[in-house]
Amino acid sequence: MSSQAQVIKTRLPDPPPPPQVLLRHVHDALAEIKAKDVTEIDVKGKTSVTDFMVIASGTSTRHVKSIADEVIKFAKRAGVQPLGVEGEREAEWVLVDLGDVVVHVMLPRVRDFYALERLWTVGDQPPEAGSLPA
């Protein structure tokens, strides 16, 4: 006995909201549910996957999941259906793909381990004076 796989189609609204509008909704959702240590990274020109990454921490797996759910709820209000959501089951790191904005919600220990902020900002800062080789 075989059953067909269910296909779920998601798409961005036509036209999708500008990234700045989507970012505002994401930040509103994060503030509403009291996400910790919110960081926004502009990755345009560094990757073709997205324009912005937003990284936030939750205080527990339940909080991480609630934050991700709130982001999804606010995005849907803006007319954006998430393209994908990963990690909800374990809820140590939940990724919400909204197209131009990808949101990472993590436990602090997971966030420290993967250090996404350092990964995506390497080379953005000019070297400090005196640190250049002579």
N, C-alpha and C. Protein backbone atom coordinates (compact mmCIF):
# COMPACT_ATOMS: atom_id res chain seq x y z
N MET A 1 0.85 -1.16 0.00
CA MET A 1 0.00 0.00 0.00
C MET A 1 0.90 1.24 0.00
N SER A 2 0.80 2.03 -1.01
CA SER A 2 1.60 3.25 -1.06
C SER A 2 0.66 4.45 -1.10
N SER A 3 1.16 5.53 -0.55
CA SER A 3 0.36 6.77 -0.57
C SER A 3 1.21 7.86 -1.22
N GLN A 4 0.54 8.76 -1.86
CA GLN A 4 1.24 9.86 -2.50
C GLN A 4 1.69 10.87 -1.47
N ALA A 5 2.86 11.45 -1.72
CA ALA A 5 3.36 12.50 -0.84
C ALA A 5 2.51 13.74 -1.04
N GLN A 6 2.26 14.42 0.05
CA GLN A 6 1.51 15.66 -0.02
C GLN A 6 2.45 16.78 -0.42
N VAL A 7 2.07 17.56 -1.39
CA VAL A 7 2.88 18.68 -1.85
C VAL A 7 2.29 19.96 -1.30
N ILE A 8 3.13 20.71 -0.61
CA ILE A 8 2.71 21.98 -0.06
C ILE A 8 3.37 23.07 -0.88
N LYS A 9 2.57 23.92 -1.50
CA LYS A 9 3.12 24.98 -2.33
C LYS A 9 3.11 26.28 -1.54
N THR A 10 4.27 26.90 -1.45
CA THR A 10 4.35 28.21 -0.82
C THR A 10 4.93 29.16 -1.85
N ARG A 11 4.53 30.41 -1.76
CA ARG A 11 5.07 31.40 -2.68
C ARG A 11 4.99 32.77 -2.04
N LEU A 12 5.84 33.64 -2.51
CA LEU A 12 5.81 35.01 -2.05
C LEU A 12 4.67 35.74 -2.73
N PRO A 13 4.09 36.75 -2.09
CA PRO A 13 3.04 37.51 -2.76
C PRO A 13 3.63 38.21 -3.98
N ASP A 14 2.78 38.51 -4.94
CA ASP A 14 3.24 39.16 -6.15
C ASP A 14 2.67 40.56 -6.20
N PRO A 15 3.42 41.59 -6.03
CA PRO A 15 4.86 41.58 -5.73
C PRO A 15 5.08 41.39 -4.23
N PRO A 16 6.24 40.83 -3.85
CA PRO A 16 6.53 40.68 -2.42
C PRO A 16 6.77 42.04 -1.80
N PRO A 17 6.54 42.16 -0.48
CA PRO A 17 6.82 43.45 0.16
C PRO A 17 8.31 43.73 0.10
N PRO A 18 8.68 45.02 0.08
CA PRO A 18 10.10 45.36 0.09
C PRO A 18 10.77 44.78 1.34
N PRO A 19 12.07 44.44 1.25
CA PRO A 19 12.76 43.85 2.40
C PRO A 19 12.65 44.70 3.67
N GLN A 20 12.67 46.03 3.53
CA GLN A 20 12.60 46.89 4.72
C GLN A 20 11.25 46.74 5.44
N VAL A 21 10.18 46.56 4.68
CA VAL A 21 8.85 46.36 5.28
C VAL A 21 8.83 45.01 6.00
N LEU A 22 9.36 43.99 5.35
CA LEU A 22 9.42 42.66 5.96
C LEU A 22 10.27 42.69 7.23
N LEU A 23 11.40 43.39 7.17
CA LEU A 23 12.26 43.52 8.36
C LEU A 23 11.51 44.17 9.52
N ARG A 24 10.73 45.19 9.21
CA ARG A 24 9.97 45.87 10.27
C ARG A 24 9.00 44.89 10.94
N HIS A 25 8.33 44.06 10.14
CA HIS A 25 7.41 43.07 10.71
C HIS A 25 8.17 42.04 11.56
N VAL A 26 9.33 41.63 11.09
CA VAL A 26 10.14 40.67 11.85
C VAL A 26 10.56 41.28 13.19
N HIS A 27 11.05 42.52 13.16
CA HIS A 27 11.48 43.17 14.41
C HIS A 27 10.30 43.39 15.35
N ASP A 28 9.13 43.71 14.80
CA ASP A 28 7.93 43.87 15.64
C ASP A 28 7.58 42.54 16.32
N ALA A 29 7.67 41.45 15.58
CA ALA A 29 7.38 40.13 16.15
C ALA A 29 8.37 39.78 17.25
N LEU A 30 9.65 40.05 17.00
CA LEU A 30 10.69 39.73 17.99
C LEU A 30 10.50 40.55 19.26
N ALA A 31 10.13 41.81 19.09
CA ALA A 31 9.89 42.67 20.27
C ALA A 31 8.65 42.20 21.03
N GLU A 32 7.62 41.81 20.31
CA GLU A 32 6.36 41.38 20.92
C GLU A 32 6.57 40.19 21.86
N ILE A 33 7.42 39.26 21.47
CA ILE A 33 7.62 38.03 22.25
C ILE A 33 8.90 38.08 23.09
N LYS A 34 9.54 39.25 23.10
CA LYS A 34 10.71 39.49 23.95
C LYS A 34 11.91 38.61 23.61
N ALA A 35 12.24 38.55 22.32
CA ALA A 35 13.45 37.85 21.90
C ALA A 35 14.66 38.60 22.44
N LYS A 36 15.74 37.90 22.67
CA LYS A 36 16.95 38.48 23.26
C LYS A 36 18.01 38.69 22.18
N ASP A 37 18.86 39.69 22.38
CA ASP A 37 20.07 39.91 21.56
C ASP A 37 19.80 39.84 20.06
N VAL A 38 18.88 40.67 19.58
CA VAL A 38 18.51 40.68 18.17
C VAL A 38 19.59 41.39 17.35
N THR A 39 20.05 40.72 16.29
CA THR A 39 21.06 41.28 15.39
C THR A 39 20.56 41.15 13.96
N GLU A 40 20.71 42.22 13.20
CA GLU A 40 20.35 42.22 11.78
C GLU A 40 21.62 42.34 10.96
N ILE A 41 21.78 41.47 9.96
CA ILE A 41 22.97 41.48 9.12
C ILE A 41 22.56 41.62 7.66
N ASP A 42 23.11 42.63 7.00
CA ASP A 42 22.89 42.84 5.57
C ASP A 42 23.86 41.94 4.83
N VAL A 43 23.35 40.94 4.11
CA VAL A 43 24.21 39.99 3.39
C VAL A 43 24.09 40.14 1.88
N LYS A 44 23.51 41.26 1.43
CA LYS A 44 23.45 41.49 -0.01
C LYS A 44 24.87 41.51 -0.56
N GLY A 45 25.10 40.86 -1.66
CA GLY A 45 26.42 40.81 -2.25
C GLY A 45 27.32 39.72 -1.68
N LYS A 46 26.89 39.11 -0.57
CA LYS A 46 27.67 38.02 0.03
C LYS A 46 27.05 36.67 -0.28
N THR A 47 25.74 36.66 -0.54
CA THR A 47 25.03 35.43 -0.86
C THR A 47 23.84 35.77 -1.75
N SER A 48 23.46 34.83 -2.57
CA SER A 48 22.29 35.03 -3.42
C SER A 48 21.03 34.45 -2.76
N VAL A 49 21.19 33.88 -1.59
CA VAL A 49 20.08 33.22 -0.91
C VAL A 49 19.09 34.21 -0.32
N THR A 50 19.59 35.31 0.23
CA THR A 50 18.73 36.28 0.91
C THR A 50 19.44 37.62 0.95
N ASP A 51 18.71 38.66 1.34
CA ASP A 51 19.30 40.00 1.49
C ASP A 51 19.67 40.31 2.94
N PHE A 52 18.87 39.81 3.87
CA PHE A 52 19.10 40.09 5.29
C PHE A 52 18.93 38.83 6.11
N MET A 53 19.76 38.73 7.15
CA MET A 53 19.60 37.70 8.17
C MET A 53 19.33 38.41 9.49
N VAL A 54 18.38 37.89 10.21
CA VAL A 54 18.10 38.39 11.54
C VAL A 54 18.33 37.23 12.49
N ILE A 55 19.15 37.48 13.51
CA ILE A 55 19.49 36.44 14.48
C ILE A 55 18.99 36.90 15.85
N ALA A 56 18.32 36.00 16.55
CA ALA A 56 17.79 36.32 17.87
C ALA A 56 17.93 35.10 18.77
N SER A 57 17.94 35.34 20.07
CA SER A 57 18.04 34.25 21.04
C SER A 57 16.75 34.13 21.83
N GLY A 58 16.48 32.89 22.24
CA GLY A 58 15.38 32.62 23.16
C GLY A 58 15.96 32.04 24.43
N THR A 59 15.19 32.09 25.50
CA THR A 59 15.68 31.67 26.81
C THR A 59 15.52 30.17 27.06
N SER A 60 14.71 29.49 26.23
CA SER A 60 14.47 28.05 26.36
C SER A 60 13.98 27.54 25.01
N THR A 61 13.91 26.23 24.86
CA THR A 61 13.41 25.69 23.59
C THR A 61 11.96 26.14 23.35
N ARG A 62 11.19 26.22 24.40
CA ARG A 62 9.80 26.69 24.26
C ARG A 62 9.77 28.14 23.79
N HIS A 63 10.66 28.98 24.32
CA HIS A 63 10.72 30.38 23.92
C HIS A 63 11.19 30.50 22.47
N VAL A 64 12.20 29.71 22.09
CA VAL A 64 12.69 29.72 20.70
C VAL A 64 11.55 29.40 19.74
N LYS A 65 10.80 28.34 20.04
CA LYS A 65 9.68 27.96 19.18
C LYS A 65 8.61 29.05 19.14
N SER A 66 8.32 29.65 20.28
CA SER A 66 7.31 30.72 20.33
C SER A 66 7.75 31.94 19.53
N ILE A 67 9.03 32.26 19.59
CA ILE A 67 9.55 33.39 18.81
C ILE A 67 9.37 33.11 17.32
N ALA A 68 9.77 31.92 16.88
CA ALA A 68 9.61 31.56 15.46
C ALA A 68 8.15 31.61 15.04
N ASP A 69 7.27 31.10 15.88
CA ASP A 69 5.83 31.13 15.58
C ASP A 69 5.33 32.57 15.44
N GLU A 70 5.82 33.45 16.30
CA GLU A 70 5.41 34.85 16.25
C GLU A 70 5.91 35.52 14.96
N VAL A 71 7.13 35.21 14.55
CA VAL A 71 7.66 35.73 13.29
C VAL A 71 6.78 35.28 12.13
N ILE A 72 6.40 34.01 12.13
CA ILE A 72 5.54 33.48 11.07
C ILE A 72 4.19 34.19 11.07
N LYS A 73 3.63 34.39 12.25
CA LYS A 73 2.33 35.06 12.37
C LYS A 73 2.39 36.49 11.82
N PHE A 74 3.43 37.24 12.18
CA PHE A 74 3.58 38.61 11.70
C PHE A 74 3.84 38.65 10.19
N ALA A 75 4.60 37.69 9.68
CA ALA A 75 4.88 37.63 8.24
C ALA A 75 3.58 37.37 7.47
N LYS A 76 2.76 36.46 7.97
CA LYS A 76 1.50 36.16 7.30
C LYS A 76 0.58 37.38 7.29
N ARG A 77 0.61 38.17 8.36
CA ARG A 77 -0.17 39.41 8.39
C ARG A 77 0.29 40.36 7.29
N ALA A 78 1.58 40.31 6.95
CA ALA A 78 2.13 41.16 5.90
C ALA A 78 1.91 40.54 4.52
N GLY A 79 1.26 39.38 4.48
CA GLY A 79 0.98 38.72 3.21
C GLY A 79 2.09 37.82 2.72
N VAL A 80 3.03 37.46 3.61
CA VAL A 80 4.15 36.61 3.22
C VAL A 80 4.00 35.24 3.87
N GLN A 81 3.93 34.22 3.04
CA GLN A 81 3.92 32.84 3.52
C GLN A 81 5.37 32.38 3.60
N PRO A 82 5.86 31.88 4.73
CA PRO A 82 7.25 31.41 4.80
C PRO A 82 7.55 30.38 3.71
N LEU A 83 8.74 30.51 3.13
CA LEU A 83 9.17 29.54 2.12
C LEU A 83 9.62 28.25 2.77
N GLY A 84 10.01 28.32 4.05
CA GLY A 84 10.42 27.14 4.78
C GLY A 84 10.65 27.46 6.23
N VAL A 85 10.46 26.46 7.06
CA VAL A 85 10.74 26.56 8.49
C VAL A 85 11.44 25.27 8.88
N GLU A 86 12.60 25.40 9.49
CA GLU A 86 13.40 24.23 9.87
C GLU A 86 13.73 24.28 11.36
N GLY A 87 13.77 23.12 12.00
CA GLY A 87 14.23 23.00 13.38
C GLY A 87 13.18 23.15 14.45
N GLU A 88 11.92 23.19 14.08
CA GLU A 88 10.86 23.40 15.08
C GLU A 88 10.77 22.25 16.08
N ARG A 89 11.07 21.06 15.65
CA ARG A 89 10.91 19.91 16.53
C ARG A 89 11.84 19.99 17.74
N GLU A 90 13.14 20.21 17.50
CA GLU A 90 14.10 20.31 18.60
C GLU A 90 14.08 21.70 19.24
N ALA A 91 13.84 22.71 18.42
CA ALA A 91 13.70 24.11 18.86
C ALA A 91 14.93 24.65 19.58
N GLU A 92 16.10 24.14 19.20
CA GLU A 92 17.34 24.76 19.69
C GLU A 92 17.80 25.83 18.71
N TRP A 93 17.47 25.63 17.43
CA TRP A 93 17.76 26.59 16.36
C TRP A 93 16.64 26.44 15.34
N VAL A 94 15.82 27.46 15.23
CA VAL A 94 14.73 27.44 14.26
C VAL A 94 15.04 28.50 13.20
N LEU A 95 14.98 28.09 11.94
CA LEU A 95 15.21 28.98 10.82
C LEU A 95 13.87 29.23 10.13
N VAL A 96 13.55 30.51 9.90
CA VAL A 96 12.34 30.88 9.19
C VAL A 96 12.77 31.63 7.93
N ASP A 97 12.50 31.03 6.78
CA ASP A 97 12.89 31.61 5.49
C ASP A 97 11.73 32.41 4.92
N LEU A 98 11.91 33.72 4.88
CA LEU A 98 10.88 34.61 4.35
C LEU A 98 11.29 35.20 3.00
N GLY A 99 12.25 34.58 2.36
CA GLY A 99 12.71 35.07 1.06
C GLY A 99 13.83 36.08 1.24
N ASP A 100 13.50 37.36 1.17
CA ASP A 100 14.51 38.42 1.31
C ASP A 100 15.06 38.52 2.73
N VAL A 101 14.38 37.91 3.68
CA VAL A 101 14.81 37.93 5.08
C VAL A 101 14.77 36.50 5.61
N VAL A 102 15.88 36.06 6.18
CA VAL A 102 15.94 34.76 6.84
C VAL A 102 16.16 35.02 8.33
N VAL A 103 15.33 34.41 9.15
CA VAL A 103 15.38 34.62 10.60
C VAL A 103 15.91 33.36 11.26
N HIS A 104 16.94 33.53 12.09
CA HIS A 104 17.51 32.43 12.88
C HIS A 104 17.17 32.71 14.34
N VAL A 105 16.48 31.79 15.00
CA VAL A 105 16.18 31.92 16.42
C VAL A 105 16.88 30.76 17.12
N MET A 106 17.74 31.09 18.08
CA MET A 106 18.61 30.08 18.66
C MET A 106 18.68 30.19 20.18
N LEU A 107 19.00 29.05 20.80
CA LEU A 107 19.39 29.09 22.21
C LEU A 107 20.76 29.77 22.29
N PRO A 108 21.06 30.47 23.37
CA PRO A 108 22.35 31.17 23.46
C PRO A 108 23.56 30.25 23.25
N ARG A 109 23.55 29.04 23.80
CA ARG A 109 24.71 28.16 23.65
C ARG A 109 24.90 27.73 22.20
N VAL A 110 23.81 27.53 21.48
CA VAL A 110 23.87 27.17 20.06
C VAL A 110 24.37 28.37 19.25
N ARG A 111 23.87 29.53 19.59
CA ARG A 111 24.28 30.76 18.90
C ARG A 111 25.78 31.01 19.10
N ASP A 112 26.26 30.82 20.31
CA ASP A 112 27.69 30.99 20.58
C ASP A 112 28.52 29.99 19.80
N PHE A 113 28.06 28.75 19.71
CA PHE A 113 28.81 27.71 19.04
C PHE A 113 28.94 27.99 17.53
N TYR A 114 27.84 28.35 16.87
CA TYR A 114 27.86 28.55 15.42
C TYR A 114 28.33 29.95 15.01
N ALA A 115 28.22 30.92 15.87
CA ALA A 115 28.75 32.27 15.66
C ALA A 115 28.42 32.83 14.28
N LEU A 116 27.14 32.82 13.90
CA LEU A 116 26.75 33.31 12.59
C LEU A 116 27.12 34.77 12.37
N GLU A 117 27.06 35.58 13.42
CA GLU A 117 27.41 36.99 13.27
C GLU A 117 28.85 37.14 12.76
N ARG A 118 29.77 36.38 13.35
CA ARG A 118 31.17 36.45 12.91
C ARG A 118 31.32 35.90 11.50
N LEU A 119 30.63 34.82 11.20
CA LEU A 119 30.72 34.20 9.89
C LEU A 119 30.32 35.18 8.78
N TRP A 120 29.23 35.91 8.99
CA TRP A 120 28.70 36.77 7.93
C TRP A 120 29.24 38.19 7.96
N THR A 121 30.04 38.55 8.96
CA THR A 121 30.58 39.91 9.01
C THR A 121 32.09 39.94 8.87
N VAL A 122 32.74 38.82 8.63
CA VAL A 122 34.19 38.78 8.45
C VAL A 122 34.54 39.67 7.27
N GLY A 123 35.51 40.56 7.48
CA GLY A 123 35.95 41.45 6.42
C GLY A 123 35.15 42.73 6.30
N ASP A 124 34.07 42.87 7.08
CA ASP A 124 33.27 44.09 7.01
C ASP A 124 33.93 45.26 7.73
N GLN A 125 34.74 44.95 8.73
CA GLN A 125 35.37 45.99 9.53
C GLN A 125 36.78 46.23 9.04
N PRO A 126 37.18 47.50 8.89
CA PRO A 126 38.57 47.77 8.51
C PRO A 126 39.50 47.35 9.63
N PRO A 127 40.73 46.97 9.31
CA PRO A 127 41.67 46.57 10.37
C PRO A 127 41.94 47.75 11.30
N GLU A 128 42.18 47.41 12.56
CA GLU A 128 42.46 48.45 13.55
C GLU A 128 43.83 49.06 13.28
N ALA A 129 43.98 50.33 13.58
CA ALA A 129 45.27 51.00 13.42
C ALA A 129 46.31 50.30 14.29
N GLY A 130 47.46 50.09 13.74
CA GLY A 130 48.51 49.43 14.49
C GLY A 130 48.52 47.92 14.35
N SER A 131 47.45 47.36 13.72
CA SER A 131 47.41 45.91 13.57
C SER A 131 47.91 45.48 12.19
N LEU A 132 48.28 46.44 11.37
CA LEU A 132 48.79 46.11 10.04
C LEU A 132 50.25 45.71 10.13
N PRO A 133 50.67 44.75 9.34
CA PRO A 133 52.09 44.35 9.37
C PRO A 133 52.97 45.50 8.89
N ALA A 134 54.15 45.59 9.46
CA ALA A 134 55.05 46.69 9.14
C ALA A 134 55.80 46.41 7.85
